[in-house]
Protein backbone atom coordinates (compact mmCIF):
# COMPACT_ATOMS: atom_id res chain seq x y z
CA PHE A 1 99.22 95.57 148.01
CA VAL A 2 98.70 92.76 150.53
CA ALA A 3 95.76 94.47 152.24
CA GLU A 4 94.37 95.54 148.90
CA SER A 5 94.63 91.99 147.56
CA ILE A 6 91.77 90.95 149.81
CA SER A 7 89.58 94.04 150.02
CA LEU A 8 89.68 95.23 146.40
CA PRO A 9 88.49 92.01 144.72
CA LEU A 10 85.78 91.47 147.33
CA LEU A 11 84.48 95.02 147.13
CA GLN A 12 84.60 95.35 143.36
CA ALA A 13 83.22 91.88 142.63
CA GLY A 14 80.46 92.47 145.16
CA THR A 15 79.60 95.78 143.51
CA VAL A 16 79.45 94.23 140.04
CA LEU A 17 77.42 91.29 141.28
CA SER A 18 74.89 93.40 143.20
CA ILE A 19 74.33 95.78 140.27
CA ALA A 20 74.03 92.88 137.82
CA VAL A 21 71.48 91.07 140.00
CA TYR A 22 69.45 94.27 140.42
CA MET A 23 69.48 94.92 136.68
CA LEU A 24 68.48 91.32 135.94
CA ALA A 25 65.58 91.60 138.37
CA ILE A 26 64.28 94.83 136.80
CA GLU A 27 64.68 94.14 133.07
CA PRO A 28 66.37 90.83 132.17
CA LEU A 29 66.77 91.47 128.43
CA ILE A 30 68.56 94.81 128.74
CA ALA A 31 70.62 93.51 131.68
CA THR A 32 71.72 90.47 129.70
CA VAL A 33 72.78 92.62 126.77
CA ALA A 34 74.73 94.92 129.11
CA ILE A 35 76.45 92.05 130.93
CA VAL A 36 77.38 90.35 127.65
CA PHE A 37 79.43 93.42 126.75
CA LEU A 38 81.49 93.10 129.95
CA VAL A 39 82.63 89.57 129.11
CA PRO A 40 84.90 90.43 126.11
CA SER A 41 87.03 92.75 128.27
CA VAL A 42 87.65 89.95 130.73
CA VAL A 43 88.44 87.49 127.92
CA ILE A 44 90.80 89.92 126.17
CA VAL A 45 92.77 90.60 129.35
CA GLY A 46 92.80 86.89 130.19
CA LEU A 47 94.29 86.07 126.78
CA THR A 48 96.79 88.93 126.51
CA GLN A 49 98.14 89.02 130.06
CA PRO A 50 100.11 85.75 129.80
CA VAL A 51 101.70 87.07 126.60
CA LEU A 52 102.58 90.36 128.34
CA ASN A 53 104.02 88.38 131.26
CA GLY A 54 106.19 86.37 128.90
CA LEU A 55 107.44 89.52 127.16
CA SER A 56 108.20 91.13 130.52
CA ARG A 57 110.06 88.05 131.70
CA SER A 58 112.08 87.95 128.48
CA LYS A 59 112.94 91.63 128.75
CA ILE A 60 114.14 91.29 132.33
CA THR A 61 116.24 88.26 131.38
CA VAL A 62 117.82 90.12 128.45
CA VAL A 63 118.49 93.20 130.61
CA ARG A 64 120.31 90.97 133.08
CA ALA A 65 122.33 89.45 130.22
CA LEU A 66 123.17 92.97 129.04
CA GLY A 67 124.44 93.87 132.51
CA GLN A 68 126.62 90.79 132.56
CA ALA A 69 127.93 91.51 129.04
CA VAL A 70 128.82 95.08 130.00
CA LEU A 71 130.64 93.85 133.10
CA ARG A 72 132.56 91.29 131.01
CA ARG A 73 133.58 93.97 128.52
CA GLY A 74 134.69 96.15 131.39
CA ARG A 75 136.99 93.33 132.51
CA GLN A 76 138.51 92.97 129.02
CA GLU A 77 136.71 89.70 128.28
CA ALA A 78 135.14 91.07 125.13
CA GLY A 79 135.33 87.87 123.08
CA GLN A 80 132.78 85.98 125.22
CA GLY A 81 128.98 86.04 125.06
CA THR A 82 126.61 88.21 123.08
CA GLU A 83 127.47 91.72 122.02
CA PRO A 84 125.75 94.45 124.07
CA ASN A 85 124.36 96.07 120.91
CA ASP A 86 122.51 92.86 119.99
CA LEU A 87 121.05 92.69 123.48
CA ILE A 88 119.95 96.33 123.32
CA GLU A 89 118.17 95.61 120.02
CA ARG A 90 116.40 92.63 121.60
CA ILE A 91 115.32 94.74 124.58
CA TYR A 92 114.00 97.42 122.24
CA GLY A 93 112.06 94.83 120.21
CA LEU A 94 110.56 93.28 123.34
CA ARG A 95 109.53 96.70 124.66
CA LEU A 96 107.87 97.56 121.34
CA ARG A 97 105.93 94.29 121.27
CA PHE A 98 104.88 94.81 124.90
CA ALA A 99 103.75 98.39 124.25
CA ASN A 100 101.86 97.49 121.05
CA LEU A 101 99.98 94.64 122.72
CA LYS A 102 99.20 96.71 125.80
CA ILE A 103 97.94 99.65 123.71
CA ALA A 104 95.78 97.36 121.56
CA THR A 105 94.32 95.75 124.68
CA LYS A 106 93.55 99.14 126.23
CA ALA A 107 91.95 100.38 123.01
CA LEU A 108 89.65 97.35 122.86
CA ASN A 109 88.84 97.70 126.54
CA GLN A 110 87.85 101.32 125.93
CA LEU A 111 85.71 100.44 122.90
CA ILE A 112 83.79 97.48 124.30
CA PRO A 113 82.14 99.24 127.29
CA ASN A 114 81.01 102.02 124.97
CA LEU A 115 79.44 99.41 122.69
CA GLY A 116 77.66 98.07 125.78
CA LEU A 117 76.23 101.50 126.48
CA LEU A 118 75.12 101.78 122.86
CA SER A 119 73.49 98.36 123.04
CA ILE A 120 71.53 99.42 126.14
CA LEU A 121 70.26 102.42 124.22
CA LEU A 122 69.35 100.35 121.16
CA VAL A 123 67.63 97.48 122.97
CA GLY A 124 66.04 99.79 125.53
CA GLY A 125 64.88 102.17 122.82
CA TRP A 126 63.36 99.31 120.87
CA LEU A 127 61.55 98.09 124.02
CA ALA A 128 60.38 101.63 124.82
CA ILE A 129 59.01 102.12 121.29
CA HIS A 130 56.98 98.92 121.70
CA ASP A 131 55.79 99.97 125.19
CA ARG A 132 57.61 97.12 126.92
CA THR A 133 59.73 99.37 129.16
CA GLU A 134 60.01 102.98 130.26
CA ILE A 135 62.61 105.62 129.49
CA GLY A 136 63.45 105.89 133.21
CA ILE A 137 64.53 102.24 133.24
CA ILE A 138 66.82 102.82 130.26
CA VAL A 139 68.42 105.80 132.01
CA ALA A 140 68.80 103.76 135.21
CA PHE A 141 70.42 100.94 133.24
CA MET A 142 72.85 103.32 131.59
CA SER A 143 73.83 104.62 135.02
CA GLY A 144 74.05 101.10 136.43
CA TYR A 145 76.18 99.97 133.51
CA GLU A 146 78.56 102.87 134.07
CA ARG A 147 78.75 101.90 137.74
CA MET A 148 79.52 98.31 136.73
CA THR A 149 82.26 99.08 134.22
CA ASN A 150 84.47 100.93 136.72
CA PRO A 151 84.67 98.00 139.20
CA VAL A 152 85.28 95.58 136.32
CA ARG A 153 88.10 97.83 135.11
CA ASP A 154 89.53 97.94 138.65
CA LEU A 155 89.39 94.14 138.88
CA LEU A 156 91.16 93.77 135.53
CA ASN A 157 93.86 96.24 136.58
CA PHE A 158 94.29 94.32 139.85
CA TYR A 159 94.68 91.07 137.90
CA ARG A 160 97.32 92.68 135.66
CA ARG A 161 99.30 93.99 138.64
CA LEU A 162 99.03 90.69 140.48
CA SER A 163 100.17 88.81 137.40
CA MET A 164 103.16 91.09 136.81
CA MET A 165 104.15 90.87 140.49
CA HIS A 166 104.02 87.10 140.21
CA VAL A 167 106.44 87.20 137.25
CA GLN A 168 108.79 89.57 139.10
CA TYR A 169 108.68 87.42 142.25
CA ARG A 170 109.58 84.31 140.28
CA LEU A 171 112.52 86.06 138.63
CA VAL A 172 113.83 87.28 141.98
CA ALA A 173 113.37 83.82 143.50
CA GLU A 174 115.25 82.24 140.58
CA ALA A 175 118.07 84.77 140.88
CA LEU A 176 118.43 84.15 144.62
CA GLY A 177 117.86 80.41 144.52
């Protein structure tokens, strides 16, 4: 991950930037429409990832409390602390909330790039009908947009992993410190 933490963002951001600049130079209107449809994915991940981090942190904390409760019960100290069944219910609830939010985020991130492709077809088709662009440019933009969405997806996945590792590191540091 350490080596990837430098090369992956540079490569993927460079790829997105170079394709976006090329598209803007060829046909600014279609390029702008295509780029606008990449922004919501970044915003959605930026808004949901802190919530996912908080849920993950809570789950790990409750799992630790469950381990301690089980150890206490094993030592015949059953009257102290929270019951293991309550903790298991909390863990289950946290996992459900995490899964629901993650699935909703993934669904939106699958829908939005497809809407971007549709918008390229609509705007490009309108421009082609009015003889302001050629069909070849529309096809090239569709291909370029596809080539841009994969690096953006890789960057978003990298951000998610980095964010989750940061949460896990903090929990380990708190446990040791």
